[in-house]
């Protein structure tokens, strides 16, 4: 049976790779975006996850076009890094509103249809930074750590209704953001990773597709690191 998958922030980077992996797996895929080209074959919906009305409208559009969302991948996120002594409250809360509260808005909208169907998968894209920490990223790290508490609470709250909630925690991934790192920083980060390389977006996507598949139907409340060993013990 073909599943309907919604990937937030699915038009670029890791989100795009996740959407493309689900398309290759035969799923019906929708992606939310704030502008930009969507993966070929995906149903694109413009949506700012910081606006509850837009989240609701996006789900309604996907349900009308593809059917009820059976797999939610909460991937949409932003960064805005600076040291805490320079970080304004607005810069802190805007990152949390997108990365954490935005994911919560999507989960809230997805929960009722999933529990009624007694079937659903929620997968939250966190980060090794959420457990490892990073100077200058107090807002981002807090938001990504918060996704773990969110997912595990949902795992306990919705598990009896056939809905799982899990976290994928990537490390450094070869995306536009990491490709712009100065060479000395890129080498420093790679040297801290046991596998001595950054991940490819497709490697993160493969973990997400597995968690959404039948093989992982008894997995919930888990954190699956895709970080080359960087965050071991955290």
N, C-alpha and C. Protein backbone atom coordinates (compact mmCIF):
# COMPACT_ATOMS: atom_id res chain seq x y z
N UNK A 1 0.84 -1.19 0.00
CA UNK A 1 0.00 0.00 0.00
C UNK A 1 0.88 1.25 0.00
N UNK A 2 0.59 2.17 -0.90
CA UNK A 2 1.38 3.39 -1.02
C UNK A 2 1.07 4.34 0.12
N UNK A 3 2.12 4.82 0.78
CA UNK A 3 1.94 5.73 1.90
C UNK A 3 2.04 7.18 1.45
N UNK A 4 1.40 8.05 2.23
CA UNK A 4 1.54 9.48 2.01
C UNK A 4 2.51 10.03 3.05
N UNK A 5 3.55 10.69 2.57
CA UNK A 5 4.62 11.22 3.41
C UNK A 5 4.66 12.73 3.26
N UNK A 6 4.78 13.44 4.37
CA UNK A 6 4.96 14.89 4.34
C UNK A 6 6.31 15.22 4.97
N UNK A 7 7.15 15.90 4.20
CA UNK A 7 8.47 16.33 4.67
C UNK A 7 8.46 17.85 4.75
N UNK A 8 8.62 18.39 5.94
CA UNK A 8 8.68 19.85 6.05
C UNK A 8 10.09 20.33 5.68
N UNK A 9 10.15 21.46 4.99
CA UNK A 9 11.44 21.94 4.51
C UNK A 9 12.07 20.97 3.54
N UNK A 10 11.24 20.42 2.64
CA UNK A 10 11.70 19.34 1.76
C UNK A 10 12.18 19.77 0.39
N UNK A 11 12.50 21.03 0.23
CA UNK A 11 12.93 21.50 -1.09
C UNK A 11 14.44 21.68 -1.21
N UNK A 12 15.18 21.47 -0.12
CA UNK A 12 16.64 21.64 -0.22
C UNK A 12 17.33 20.81 0.86
N UNK A 13 18.62 20.60 0.68
CA UNK A 13 19.45 19.95 1.69
C UNK A 13 18.98 18.57 2.10
N UNK A 14 19.03 18.32 3.39
CA UNK A 14 18.65 17.02 3.94
C UNK A 14 17.18 16.73 3.63
N UNK A 15 16.32 17.72 3.77
CA UNK A 15 14.89 17.51 3.51
C UNK A 15 14.62 17.06 2.10
N UNK A 16 15.31 17.66 1.15
CA UNK A 16 15.14 17.27 -0.25
C UNK A 16 15.58 15.82 -0.47
N UNK A 17 16.72 15.45 0.12
CA UNK A 17 17.21 14.07 -0.01
C UNK A 17 16.21 13.08 0.60
N UNK A 18 15.58 13.46 1.71
CA UNK A 18 14.58 12.60 2.34
C UNK A 18 13.37 12.44 1.42
N UNK A 19 12.90 13.55 0.87
CA UNK A 19 11.76 13.49 -0.04
C UNK A 19 12.07 12.62 -1.25
N UNK A 20 13.25 12.78 -1.82
CA UNK A 20 13.62 11.99 -3.00
C UNK A 20 13.75 10.51 -2.66
N UNK A 21 14.24 10.20 -1.46
CA UNK A 21 14.37 8.79 -1.05
C UNK A 21 12.99 8.15 -0.91
N UNK A 22 12.03 8.87 -0.35
CA UNK A 22 10.68 8.33 -0.24
C UNK A 22 10.03 8.17 -1.62
N UNK A 23 10.30 9.10 -2.52
CA UNK A 23 9.77 8.96 -3.89
C UNK A 23 10.34 7.70 -4.54
N UNK A 24 11.62 7.45 -4.36
CA UNK A 24 12.23 6.23 -4.91
C UNK A 24 11.66 4.98 -4.27
N UNK A 25 11.18 5.11 -3.03
CA UNK A 25 10.59 4.00 -2.30
C UNK A 25 9.12 3.76 -2.70
N UNK A 26 8.60 4.62 -3.57
CA UNK A 26 7.24 4.45 -4.07
C UNK A 26 6.16 5.18 -3.30
N UNK A 27 6.56 6.05 -2.37
CA UNK A 27 5.58 6.78 -1.57
C UNK A 27 5.01 7.97 -2.34
N UNK A 28 3.84 8.41 -1.91
CA UNK A 28 3.31 9.70 -2.35
C UNK A 28 3.90 10.74 -1.41
N UNK A 29 4.58 11.72 -1.97
CA UNK A 29 5.37 12.64 -1.14
C UNK A 29 4.92 14.07 -1.33
N UNK A 30 4.71 14.75 -0.21
CA UNK A 30 4.46 16.19 -0.21
C UNK A 30 5.59 16.86 0.56
N UNK A 31 5.94 18.06 0.15
CA UNK A 31 6.96 18.82 0.86
C UNK A 31 6.44 20.23 1.12
N UNK A 32 6.76 20.75 2.30
CA UNK A 32 6.50 22.16 2.55
C UNK A 32 7.77 22.95 2.25
N UNK A 33 7.58 24.19 1.87
CA UNK A 33 8.72 25.05 1.54
C UNK A 33 8.30 26.50 1.71
N UNK A 34 9.29 27.38 1.75
CA UNK A 34 9.00 28.81 1.82
C UNK A 34 9.40 29.50 0.53
N UNK A 35 9.63 28.70 -0.50
CA UNK A 35 10.03 29.22 -1.81
C UNK A 35 11.14 28.36 -2.37
N UNK A 36 11.13 28.14 -3.66
CA UNK A 36 12.16 27.32 -4.27
C UNK A 36 11.58 26.10 -4.95
N UNK A 37 12.40 25.47 -5.75
CA UNK A 37 11.97 24.33 -6.56
C UNK A 37 11.87 23.07 -5.71
N UNK A 38 10.78 22.33 -5.88
CA UNK A 38 10.56 21.09 -5.13
C UNK A 38 11.06 19.89 -5.93
N UNK A 39 11.32 18.77 -5.28
CA UNK A 39 11.75 17.57 -6.00
C UNK A 39 10.72 17.14 -7.03
N UNK A 40 11.19 16.68 -8.17
CA UNK A 40 10.30 16.20 -9.22
C UNK A 40 9.46 15.04 -8.70
N UNK A 41 8.16 15.15 -8.87
CA UNK A 41 7.25 14.10 -8.42
C UNK A 41 6.63 14.36 -7.07
N UNK A 42 7.14 15.37 -6.35
CA UNK A 42 6.58 15.70 -5.04
C UNK A 42 5.52 16.79 -5.18
N UNK A 43 4.58 16.77 -4.27
CA UNK A 43 3.54 17.81 -4.20
C UNK A 43 4.03 18.90 -3.26
N UNK A 44 4.26 20.08 -3.79
CA UNK A 44 4.81 21.17 -3.01
C UNK A 44 3.73 22.08 -2.44
N UNK A 45 3.90 22.45 -1.17
CA UNK A 45 2.97 23.35 -0.51
C UNK A 45 3.77 24.44 0.19
N UNK A 46 3.48 25.69 -0.11
CA UNK A 46 4.17 26.78 0.56
C UNK A 46 3.64 26.90 1.98
N UNK A 47 4.55 26.92 2.94
CA UNK A 47 4.13 26.92 4.35
C UNK A 47 5.26 27.43 5.22
N UNK A 48 4.93 28.34 6.12
CA UNK A 48 5.84 28.79 7.16
C UNK A 48 5.39 28.10 8.44
N UNK A 49 6.24 27.22 8.97
CA UNK A 49 5.83 26.41 10.13
C UNK A 49 5.71 27.22 11.41
N UNK A 50 6.08 28.50 11.38
CA UNK A 50 5.87 29.34 12.55
C UNK A 50 4.46 29.88 12.62
N UNK A 51 3.65 29.59 11.61
CA UNK A 51 2.26 30.06 11.57
C UNK A 51 1.32 28.86 11.62
N UNK A 52 0.59 28.72 12.72
CA UNK A 52 -0.31 27.57 12.88
C UNK A 52 -1.34 27.46 11.78
N UNK A 53 -1.88 28.58 11.32
CA UNK A 53 -2.88 28.54 10.25
C UNK A 53 -2.29 28.02 8.96
N UNK A 54 -1.04 28.38 8.67
CA UNK A 54 -0.39 27.88 7.46
C UNK A 54 -0.12 26.38 7.56
N UNK A 55 0.25 25.92 8.74
CA UNK A 55 0.47 24.48 8.94
C UNK A 55 -0.83 23.72 8.70
N UNK A 56 -1.92 24.20 9.27
CA UNK A 56 -3.21 23.55 9.09
C UNK A 56 -3.62 23.54 7.62
N UNK A 57 -3.42 24.67 6.93
CA UNK A 57 -3.77 24.76 5.51
C UNK A 57 -2.92 23.82 4.66
N UNK A 58 -1.65 23.69 5.01
CA UNK A 58 -0.77 22.80 4.26
C UNK A 58 -1.21 21.35 4.40
N UNK A 59 -1.52 20.92 5.62
CA UNK A 59 -2.01 19.56 5.83
C UNK A 59 -3.31 19.33 5.07
N UNK A 60 -4.21 20.30 5.11
CA UNK A 60 -5.48 20.17 4.41
C UNK A 60 -5.27 20.01 2.91
N UNK A 61 -4.33 20.78 2.35
CA UNK A 61 -4.03 20.67 0.93
C UNK A 61 -3.45 19.31 0.57
N UNK A 62 -2.55 18.80 1.43
CA UNK A 62 -1.95 17.49 1.18
C UNK A 62 -3.00 16.39 1.29
N UNK A 63 -3.85 16.48 2.29
CA UNK A 63 -4.92 15.48 2.46
C UNK A 63 -5.84 15.45 1.26
N UNK A 64 -6.14 16.62 0.72
CA UNK A 64 -7.02 16.70 -0.45
C UNK A 64 -6.35 16.12 -1.69
N UNK A 65 -5.05 16.35 -1.84
CA UNK A 65 -4.33 15.93 -3.04
C UNK A 65 -3.85 14.48 -2.98
N UNK A 66 -3.34 14.06 -1.82
CA UNK A 66 -2.67 12.76 -1.71
C UNK A 66 -3.30 11.81 -0.70
N UNK A 67 -4.19 12.32 0.15
CA UNK A 67 -4.77 11.49 1.20
C UNK A 67 -4.13 11.79 2.54
N UNK A 68 -4.62 11.16 3.61
CA UNK A 68 -4.12 11.43 4.96
C UNK A 68 -2.61 11.20 5.08
N UNK A 69 -1.96 12.07 5.84
CA UNK A 69 -0.52 11.96 6.06
C UNK A 69 -0.26 10.80 7.03
N UNK A 70 0.45 9.80 6.54
CA UNK A 70 0.78 8.64 7.36
C UNK A 70 2.18 8.71 7.95
N UNK A 71 3.06 9.47 7.29
CA UNK A 71 4.43 9.66 7.77
C UNK A 71 4.73 11.15 7.76
N UNK A 72 5.03 11.69 8.93
CA UNK A 72 5.45 13.09 9.05
C UNK A 72 6.95 13.13 9.34
N UNK A 73 7.68 13.85 8.51
CA UNK A 73 9.10 14.08 8.76
C UNK A 73 9.26 15.57 9.05
N UNK A 74 9.47 15.90 10.32
CA UNK A 74 9.61 17.29 10.74
C UNK A 74 11.07 17.69 10.59
N UNK A 75 11.36 18.32 9.47
CA UNK A 75 12.74 18.63 9.11
C UNK A 75 13.02 20.13 9.04
N UNK A 76 12.00 20.95 8.83
CA UNK A 76 12.21 22.38 8.62
C UNK A 76 12.99 23.00 9.78
N UNK A 77 14.01 23.76 9.44
CA UNK A 77 14.81 24.36 10.50
C UNK A 77 15.69 25.49 9.99
N UNK A 78 16.12 26.34 10.91
CA UNK A 78 17.00 27.45 10.59
C UNK A 78 18.12 27.51 11.61
N UNK A 79 19.17 28.24 11.28
CA UNK A 79 20.25 28.54 12.23
C UNK A 79 20.45 30.05 12.26
N UNK A 80 20.95 30.53 13.37
CA UNK A 80 21.28 31.95 13.54
C UNK A 80 22.28 32.02 14.67
N UNK A 81 23.55 31.79 14.33
CA UNK A 81 24.55 31.57 15.37
C UNK A 81 25.27 32.85 15.78
N UNK A 82 25.51 32.94 17.07
CA UNK A 82 26.37 33.97 17.66
C UNK A 82 26.55 33.63 19.14
N UNK A 83 27.54 34.21 19.75
CA UNK A 83 27.77 33.96 21.17
C UNK A 83 26.63 34.51 22.00
N UNK A 84 26.38 33.91 23.15
CA UNK A 84 25.21 34.27 23.96
C UNK A 84 25.26 35.74 24.39
N UNK A 85 26.45 36.28 24.58
CA UNK A 85 26.55 37.69 24.99
C UNK A 85 26.10 38.64 23.89
N UNK A 86 26.04 38.15 22.67
CA UNK A 86 25.61 38.98 21.54
C UNK A 86 24.22 38.59 21.03
N UNK A 87 23.71 37.48 21.50
CA UNK A 87 22.45 36.97 20.97
C UNK A 87 21.27 37.70 21.60
N UNK A 88 20.42 38.27 20.76
CA UNK A 88 19.22 38.92 21.28
C UNK A 88 18.15 37.87 21.58
N UNK A 89 17.17 38.26 22.36
CA UNK A 89 16.08 37.35 22.67
C UNK A 89 15.33 36.95 21.40
N UNK A 90 15.16 37.89 20.48
CA UNK A 90 14.47 37.59 19.22
C UNK A 90 15.22 36.53 18.43
N UNK A 91 16.55 36.61 18.41
CA UNK A 91 17.34 35.62 17.66
C UNK A 91 17.24 34.24 18.30
N UNK A 92 17.11 34.21 19.61
CA UNK A 92 16.95 32.93 20.30
C UNK A 92 15.57 32.35 20.02
N UNK A 93 14.54 33.15 20.23
CA UNK A 93 13.17 32.61 20.13
C UNK A 93 12.77 32.31 18.69
N UNK A 94 13.32 33.03 17.71
CA UNK A 94 12.94 32.76 16.33
C UNK A 94 13.42 31.38 15.88
N UNK A 95 14.61 30.97 16.35
CA UNK A 95 15.12 29.64 16.01
C UNK A 95 14.27 28.57 16.69
N UNK A 96 13.94 28.78 17.97
CA UNK A 96 13.09 27.81 18.65
C UNK A 96 11.70 27.73 18.03
N UNK A 97 11.18 28.86 17.58
CA UNK A 97 9.83 28.88 17.02
C UNK A 97 9.77 28.07 15.73
N UNK A 98 10.82 28.13 14.93
CA UNK A 98 10.86 27.34 13.69
C UNK A 98 11.20 25.89 13.97
N UNK A 99 12.30 25.65 14.65
CA UNK A 99 12.85 24.30 14.77
C UNK A 99 12.07 23.40 15.73
N UNK A 100 11.62 23.97 16.85
CA UNK A 100 10.96 23.16 17.87
C UNK A 100 9.44 23.35 17.86
N UNK A 101 8.99 24.59 18.02
CA UNK A 101 7.55 24.82 18.05
C UNK A 101 6.94 24.51 16.68
N UNK A 102 7.67 24.78 15.61
CA UNK A 102 7.18 24.43 14.27
C UNK A 102 6.95 22.93 14.13
N UNK A 103 7.89 22.13 14.66
CA UNK A 103 7.71 20.68 14.64
C UNK A 103 6.52 20.26 15.48
N UNK A 104 6.35 20.92 16.64
CA UNK A 104 5.20 20.63 17.50
C UNK A 104 3.89 20.96 16.79
N UNK A 105 3.84 22.08 16.08
CA UNK A 105 2.63 22.44 15.33
C UNK A 105 2.27 21.36 14.31
N UNK A 106 3.28 20.87 13.61
CA UNK A 106 3.03 19.83 12.61
C UNK A 106 2.59 18.53 13.27
N UNK A 107 3.23 18.17 14.38
CA UNK A 107 2.85 16.94 15.09
C UNK A 107 1.43 17.05 15.62
N UNK A 108 1.08 18.20 16.15
CA UNK A 108 -0.28 18.38 16.67
C UNK A 108 -1.31 18.19 15.56
N UNK A 109 -1.02 18.75 14.38
CA UNK A 109 -1.97 18.64 13.26
C UNK A 109 -2.05 17.21 12.73
N UNK A 110 -0.92 16.50 12.78
CA UNK A 110 -0.88 15.13 12.27
C UNK A 110 -1.49 14.12 13.23
N UNK A 111 -1.50 14.44 14.52
CA UNK A 111 -1.82 13.44 15.55
C UNK A 111 -3.24 12.90 15.45
N UNK A 112 -4.22 13.76 15.28
CA UNK A 112 -5.61 13.27 15.29
C UNK A 112 -5.90 12.31 14.15
N UNK A 113 -5.56 12.65 12.88
CA UNK A 113 -5.79 11.66 11.81
C UNK A 113 -5.02 10.36 12.02
N UNK A 114 -3.80 10.46 12.52
CA UNK A 114 -3.01 9.24 12.73
C UNK A 114 -3.61 8.36 13.82
N UNK A 115 -4.03 8.97 14.93
CA UNK A 115 -4.59 8.16 16.01
C UNK A 115 -5.94 7.56 15.62
N UNK A 116 -6.71 8.29 14.83
CA UNK A 116 -7.98 7.74 14.36
C UNK A 116 -7.76 6.53 13.46
N UNK A 117 -6.71 6.62 12.65
CA UNK A 117 -6.37 5.49 11.75
C UNK A 117 -5.61 4.39 12.48
N UNK A 118 -5.19 4.69 13.71
CA UNK A 118 -4.36 3.78 14.50
C UNK A 118 -3.10 3.36 13.73
N UNK A 119 -2.53 4.36 13.07
CA UNK A 119 -1.33 4.11 12.26
C UNK A 119 -0.66 5.45 11.95
N UNK A 120 0.63 5.52 12.20
CA UNK A 120 1.34 6.76 11.86
C UNK A 120 2.79 6.72 12.31
N UNK A 121 3.61 7.46 11.60
CA UNK A 121 5.03 7.58 11.95
C UNK A 121 5.38 9.06 11.99
N UNK A 122 5.96 9.49 13.09
CA UNK A 122 6.50 10.84 13.19
C UNK A 122 8.01 10.72 13.38
N UNK A 123 8.75 11.42 12.54
CA UNK A 123 10.21 11.38 12.58
C UNK A 123 10.71 12.82 12.63
N UNK A 124 11.50 13.11 13.66
CA UNK A 124 11.98 14.47 13.89
C UNK A 124 13.48 14.53 13.58
N UNK A 125 13.85 15.51 12.76
CA UNK A 125 15.26 15.65 12.40
C UNK A 125 15.93 16.59 13.39
N UNK A 126 16.69 16.00 14.29
CA UNK A 126 17.41 16.74 15.32
C UNK A 126 18.84 16.98 14.83
N UNK A 127 19.81 16.89 15.71
CA UNK A 127 21.21 17.11 15.36
C UNK A 127 22.09 16.61 16.48
N UNK A 128 23.30 16.19 16.13
CA UNK A 128 24.27 15.84 17.16
C UNK A 128 24.51 17.02 18.09
N UNK A 129 24.34 18.24 17.58
CA UNK A 129 24.54 19.45 18.40
C UNK A 129 23.56 19.50 19.57
N UNK A 130 22.38 18.91 19.39
CA UNK A 130 21.40 18.91 20.45
C UNK A 130 21.84 18.14 21.68
N UNK A 131 22.75 17.20 21.51
CA UNK A 131 23.27 16.42 22.64
C UNK A 131 24.71 16.80 22.98
N UNK A 132 25.46 17.19 21.98
CA UNK A 132 26.89 17.46 22.12
C UNK A 132 27.15 18.90 22.55
N UNK A 133 26.28 19.82 22.09
CA UNK A 133 26.46 21.23 22.37
C UNK A 133 27.45 21.86 21.41
N UNK A 134 27.36 23.18 21.28
CA UNK A 134 28.31 23.88 20.42
C UNK A 134 28.32 25.35 20.78
N UNK A 135 29.50 25.91 20.97
CA UNK A 135 29.61 27.33 21.28
C UNK A 135 28.99 28.15 20.16
N UNK A 136 28.21 29.15 20.52
CA UNK A 136 27.59 30.02 19.54
C UNK A 136 26.27 29.51 19.00
N UNK A 137 25.85 28.34 19.46
CA UNK A 137 24.62 27.74 18.95
C UNK A 137 23.64 27.41 20.08
N UNK A 138 23.57 28.26 21.09
CA UNK A 138 22.67 27.96 22.20
C UNK A 138 21.23 27.84 21.73
N UNK A 139 20.82 28.68 20.78
CA UNK A 139 19.44 28.62 20.28
C UNK A 139 19.20 27.34 19.48
N UNK A 140 20.09 27.04 18.56
CA UNK A 140 19.95 25.85 17.71
C UNK A 140 20.04 24.57 18.53
N UNK A 141 21.04 24.49 19.43
CA UNK A 141 21.21 23.29 20.24
C UNK A 141 20.00 23.06 21.14
N UNK A 142 19.48 24.14 21.73
CA UNK A 142 18.30 24.00 22.59
C UNK A 142 17.10 23.50 21.80
N UNK A 143 16.94 24.01 20.59
CA UNK A 143 15.79 23.59 19.77
C UNK A 143 15.91 22.13 19.37
N UNK A 144 17.12 21.70 19.03
CA UNK A 144 17.31 20.32 18.59
C UNK A 144 17.24 19.34 19.76
N UNK A 145 17.70 19.76 20.94
CA UNK A 145 17.54 18.93 22.13
C UNK A 145 16.06 18.81 22.49
N UNK A 146 15.33 19.90 22.33
CA UNK A 146 13.90 19.89 22.62
C UNK A 146 13.13 18.89 21.79
N UNK A 147 13.57 18.65 20.56
CA UNK A 147 12.89 17.67 19.70
C UNK A 147 12.94 16.26 20.30
N UNK A 148 13.98 15.97 21.06
CA UNK A 148 14.08 14.66 21.69
C UNK A 148 13.00 14.50 22.75
N UNK A 149 12.84 15.51 23.59
CA UNK A 149 11.78 15.46 24.59
C UNK A 149 10.40 15.41 23.96
N UNK A 150 10.22 16.16 22.88
CA UNK A 150 8.95 16.16 22.16
C UNK A 150 8.64 14.77 21.61
N UNK A 151 9.61 14.17 20.92
CA UNK A 151 9.39 12.86 20.31
C UNK A 151 9.12 11.79 21.36
N UNK A 152 9.87 11.81 22.43
CA UNK A 152 9.70 10.76 23.44
C UNK A 152 8.38 10.92 24.19
N UNK A 153 7.94 12.16 24.38
CA UNK A 153 6.63 12.38 24.99
C UNK A 153 5.52 11.88 24.07
N UNK A 154 5.66 12.15 22.78
CA UNK A 154 4.67 11.67 21.81
C UNK A 154 4.69 10.15 21.72
N UNK A 155 5.87 9.55 21.84
CA UNK A 155 5.96 8.08 21.81
C UNK A 155 5.13 7.48 22.93
N UNK A 156 5.20 8.08 24.11
CA UNK A 156 4.43 7.58 25.25
C UNK A 156 2.94 7.92 25.11
N UNK A 157 2.65 9.10 24.59
CA UNK A 157 1.26 9.55 24.50
C UNK A 157 0.47 8.85 23.40
N UNK A 158 1.14 8.55 22.29
CA UNK A 158 0.41 8.05 21.11
C UNK A 158 0.69 6.59 20.80
N UNK A 159 1.60 5.98 21.53
CA UNK A 159 1.98 4.59 21.21
C UNK A 159 0.82 3.61 21.24
N UNK A 160 -0.08 3.77 22.20
CA UNK A 160 -1.19 2.83 22.31
C UNK A 160 -2.16 2.94 21.14
N UNK A 161 -2.03 4.01 20.36
CA UNK A 161 -2.89 4.21 19.19
C UNK A 161 -2.16 3.90 17.89
N UNK A 162 -1.04 3.20 17.98
CA UNK A 162 -0.34 2.75 16.78
C UNK A 162 0.53 3.78 16.11
N UNK A 163 0.88 4.85 16.83
CA UNK A 163 1.71 5.91 16.25
C UNK A 163 3.09 5.88 16.92
N UNK A 164 4.15 5.84 16.12
CA UNK A 164 5.50 5.89 16.64
C UNK A 164 6.09 7.28 16.45
N UNK A 165 7.05 7.63 17.30
CA UNK A 165 7.73 8.91 17.20
C UNK A 165 9.21 8.69 17.48
N UNK A 166 10.05 9.06 16.54
CA UNK A 166 11.48 8.83 16.65
C UNK A 166 12.27 10.05 16.20
N UNK A 167 13.55 10.03 16.52
CA UNK A 167 14.45 11.15 16.20
C UNK A 167 15.63 10.63 15.39
N UNK A 168 15.97 11.35 14.33
CA UNK A 168 17.22 11.12 13.61
C UNK A 168 18.13 12.31 13.92
N UNK A 169 19.35 12.02 14.36
CA UNK A 169 20.28 13.07 14.78
C UNK A 169 21.52 13.05 13.89
N UNK A 170 21.49 13.81 12.80
CA UNK A 170 22.67 13.87 11.93
C UNK A 170 23.81 14.63 12.58
N UNK A 171 25.02 14.33 12.13
CA UNK A 171 26.17 15.16 12.44
C UNK A 171 26.36 16.16 11.32
N UNK A 172 27.61 16.40 10.96
CA UNK A 172 27.88 17.32 9.85
C UNK A 172 27.56 16.60 8.53
N UNK A 173 26.82 17.30 7.69
CA UNK A 173 26.35 16.73 6.43
C UNK A 173 26.80 17.63 5.29
N UNK A 174 27.18 17.03 4.17
CA UNK A 174 27.59 17.81 3.00
C UNK A 174 26.38 18.50 2.38
N UNK A 175 26.18 19.74 2.78
CA UNK A 175 25.11 20.58 2.23
C UNK A 175 25.71 21.94 1.88
N UNK A 176 24.88 22.83 1.37
CA UNK A 176 25.36 24.18 1.03
C UNK A 176 25.97 24.86 2.24
N UNK A 177 25.39 24.60 3.43
CA UNK A 177 25.88 25.26 4.64
C UNK A 177 27.29 24.81 4.99
N UNK A 178 27.56 23.51 4.97
CA UNK A 178 28.89 23.03 5.34
C UNK A 178 29.92 23.28 4.24
N UNK A 179 29.47 23.33 2.99
CA UNK A 179 30.41 23.58 1.89
C UNK A 179 30.99 24.98 1.95
N UNK A 180 30.31 25.89 2.65
CA UNK A 180 30.79 27.26 2.75
C UNK A 180 31.71 27.47 3.95
N UNK A 181 31.97 26.41 4.73
CA UNK A 181 32.88 26.54 5.87
C UNK A 181 34.30 26.84 5.40
N UNK A 182 35.02 27.74 6.09
CA UNK A 182 36.45 27.92 5.77
C UNK A 182 37.19 26.60 5.88
N UNK A 183 38.22 26.43 5.06
CA UNK A 183 38.91 25.13 4.96
C UNK A 183 39.42 24.65 6.31
N UNK A 184 39.97 25.57 7.14
CA UNK A 184 40.55 25.12 8.41
C UNK A 184 39.48 24.60 9.35
N UNK A 185 38.27 25.19 9.31
CA UNK A 185 37.19 24.71 10.16
C UNK A 185 36.68 23.36 9.66
N UNK A 186 36.57 23.22 8.34
CA UNK A 186 36.13 21.95 7.79
C UNK A 186 37.04 20.81 8.21
N UNK A 187 38.36 21.05 8.15
CA UNK A 187 39.32 20.02 8.56
C UNK A 187 39.20 19.73 10.06
N UNK A 188 39.04 20.78 10.85
CA UNK A 188 38.90 20.61 12.30
C UNK A 188 37.68 19.75 12.63
N UNK A 189 36.55 20.03 11.97
CA UNK A 189 35.34 19.26 12.23
C UNK A 189 35.51 17.82 11.77
N UNK A 190 36.11 17.61 10.60
CA UNK A 190 36.29 16.24 10.10
C UNK A 190 37.21 15.44 11.02
N UNK A 191 38.23 16.09 11.56
CA UNK A 191 39.16 15.39 12.45
C UNK A 191 38.50 14.95 13.76
N UNK A 192 37.38 15.58 14.11
CA UNK A 192 36.67 15.20 15.35
C UNK A 192 35.69 14.05 15.13
N UNK A 193 35.56 13.61 13.88
CA UNK A 193 34.62 12.54 13.53
C UNK A 193 35.39 11.24 13.32
N UNK A 194 35.06 10.17 14.03
CA UNK A 194 35.80 8.91 13.86
C UNK A 194 35.88 8.44 12.40
N UNK A 195 34.84 8.64 11.61
CA UNK A 195 34.88 8.21 10.21
C UNK A 195 35.59 9.20 9.30
N UNK A 196 36.00 10.35 9.86
CA UNK A 196 36.83 11.33 9.17
C UNK A 196 36.20 11.89 7.88
N UNK A 197 34.89 11.99 7.88
CA UNK A 197 34.22 12.63 6.75
C UNK A 197 32.85 13.09 7.18
N UNK A 198 32.29 14.01 6.40
CA UNK A 198 30.92 14.43 6.62
C UNK A 198 29.98 13.41 5.98
N UNK A 199 28.75 13.38 6.45
CA UNK A 199 27.74 12.49 5.86
C UNK A 199 27.24 13.06 4.54
N UNK A 200 26.73 12.20 3.70
CA UNK A 200 25.99 12.63 2.52
C UNK A 200 24.51 12.72 2.91
N UNK A 201 23.77 13.66 2.33
CA UNK A 201 22.34 13.77 2.66
C UNK A 201 21.58 12.46 2.48
N UNK A 202 21.99 11.68 1.49
CA UNK A 202 21.32 10.41 1.21
C UNK A 202 21.47 9.41 2.35
N UNK A 203 22.56 9.52 3.10
CA UNK A 203 22.78 8.61 4.23
C UNK A 203 21.83 8.93 5.38
N UNK A 204 21.54 10.21 5.57
CA UNK A 204 20.53 10.60 6.56
C UNK A 204 19.16 10.16 6.09
N UNK A 205 18.88 10.36 4.81
CA UNK A 205 17.58 9.98 4.25
C UNK A 205 17.32 8.49 4.41
N UNK A 206 18.34 7.67 4.24
CA UNK A 206 18.16 6.22 4.35
C UNK A 206 17.72 5.83 5.76
N UNK A 207 18.25 6.52 6.76
CA UNK A 207 17.85 6.24 8.14
C UNK A 207 16.38 6.61 8.36
N UNK A 208 15.97 7.72 7.78
CA UNK A 208 14.58 8.17 7.92
C UNK A 208 13.62 7.19 7.25
N UNK A 209 13.96 6.75 6.04
CA UNK A 209 13.11 5.80 5.32
C UNK A 209 13.01 4.49 6.10
N UNK A 210 14.11 4.06 6.70
CA UNK A 210 14.06 2.83 7.51
C UNK A 210 13.10 2.99 8.68
N UNK A 211 13.19 4.11 9.39
CA UNK A 211 12.31 4.32 10.55
C UNK A 211 10.84 4.36 10.14
N UNK A 212 10.57 4.75 8.92
CA UNK A 212 9.18 4.81 8.44
C UNK A 212 8.69 3.48 7.90
N UNK A 213 9.59 2.51 7.75
CA UNK A 213 9.24 1.25 7.12
C UNK A 213 8.75 0.19 8.08
N UNK A 214 8.33 -0.93 7.52
CA UNK A 214 7.79 -2.03 8.32
C UNK A 214 8.84 -2.62 9.27
N UNK A 215 10.11 -2.57 8.88
CA UNK A 215 11.16 -3.15 9.72
C UNK A 215 11.30 -2.43 11.05
N UNK A 216 10.83 -1.18 11.11
CA UNK A 216 10.98 -0.39 12.34
C UNK A 216 9.65 -0.18 13.06
N UNK A 217 8.68 -1.04 12.81
CA UNK A 217 7.36 -0.82 13.40
C UNK A 217 7.34 -0.95 14.92
N UNK A 218 8.38 -1.59 15.50
CA UNK A 218 8.43 -1.72 16.96
C UNK A 218 9.47 -0.76 17.56
N UNK A 219 9.89 0.21 16.79
CA UNK A 219 10.87 1.21 17.26
C UNK A 219 10.14 2.51 17.52
N UNK A 220 10.18 2.99 18.75
CA UNK A 220 9.60 4.30 19.06
C UNK A 220 10.34 4.92 20.24
N UNK A 221 10.40 6.24 20.27
CA UNK A 221 11.13 6.95 21.31
C UNK A 221 12.63 6.83 21.17
N UNK A 222 13.10 6.45 19.98
CA UNK A 222 14.53 6.21 19.78
C UNK A 222 15.22 7.43 19.17
N UNK A 223 16.52 7.54 19.46
CA UNK A 223 17.38 8.52 18.79
C UNK A 223 18.35 7.74 17.91
N UNK A 224 18.28 7.97 16.62
CA UNK A 224 19.16 7.28 15.68
C UNK A 224 20.22 8.27 15.18
N UNK A 225 21.45 8.16 15.68
CA UNK A 225 22.48 9.09 15.23
C UNK A 225 23.02 8.70 13.85
N UNK A 226 23.22 9.69 13.02
CA UNK A 226 23.87 9.49 11.72
C UNK A 226 24.99 10.54 11.68
N UNK A 227 26.02 10.28 12.48
CA UNK A 227 27.02 11.32 12.73
C UNK A 227 28.46 10.82 12.62
N UNK A 228 28.65 9.63 12.06
CA UNK A 228 30.01 9.12 11.90
C UNK A 228 30.70 8.82 13.21
N UNK A 229 29.94 8.73 14.30
CA UNK A 229 30.51 8.44 15.62
C UNK A 229 30.87 9.67 16.43
N UNK A 230 30.59 10.85 15.89
CA UNK A 230 30.99 12.09 16.56
C UNK A 230 30.39 12.24 17.95
N UNK A 231 29.12 11.84 18.10
CA UNK A 231 28.42 12.09 19.36
C UNK A 231 28.38 10.91 20.31
N UNK A 232 29.25 9.95 20.14
CA UNK A 232 29.21 8.76 20.99
C UNK A 232 29.25 9.12 22.47
N UNK A 233 28.32 8.53 23.23
CA UNK A 233 28.28 8.75 24.66
C UNK A 233 27.44 9.94 25.09
N UNK A 234 26.87 10.65 24.10
CA UNK A 234 26.06 11.82 24.43
C UNK A 234 24.58 11.53 24.20
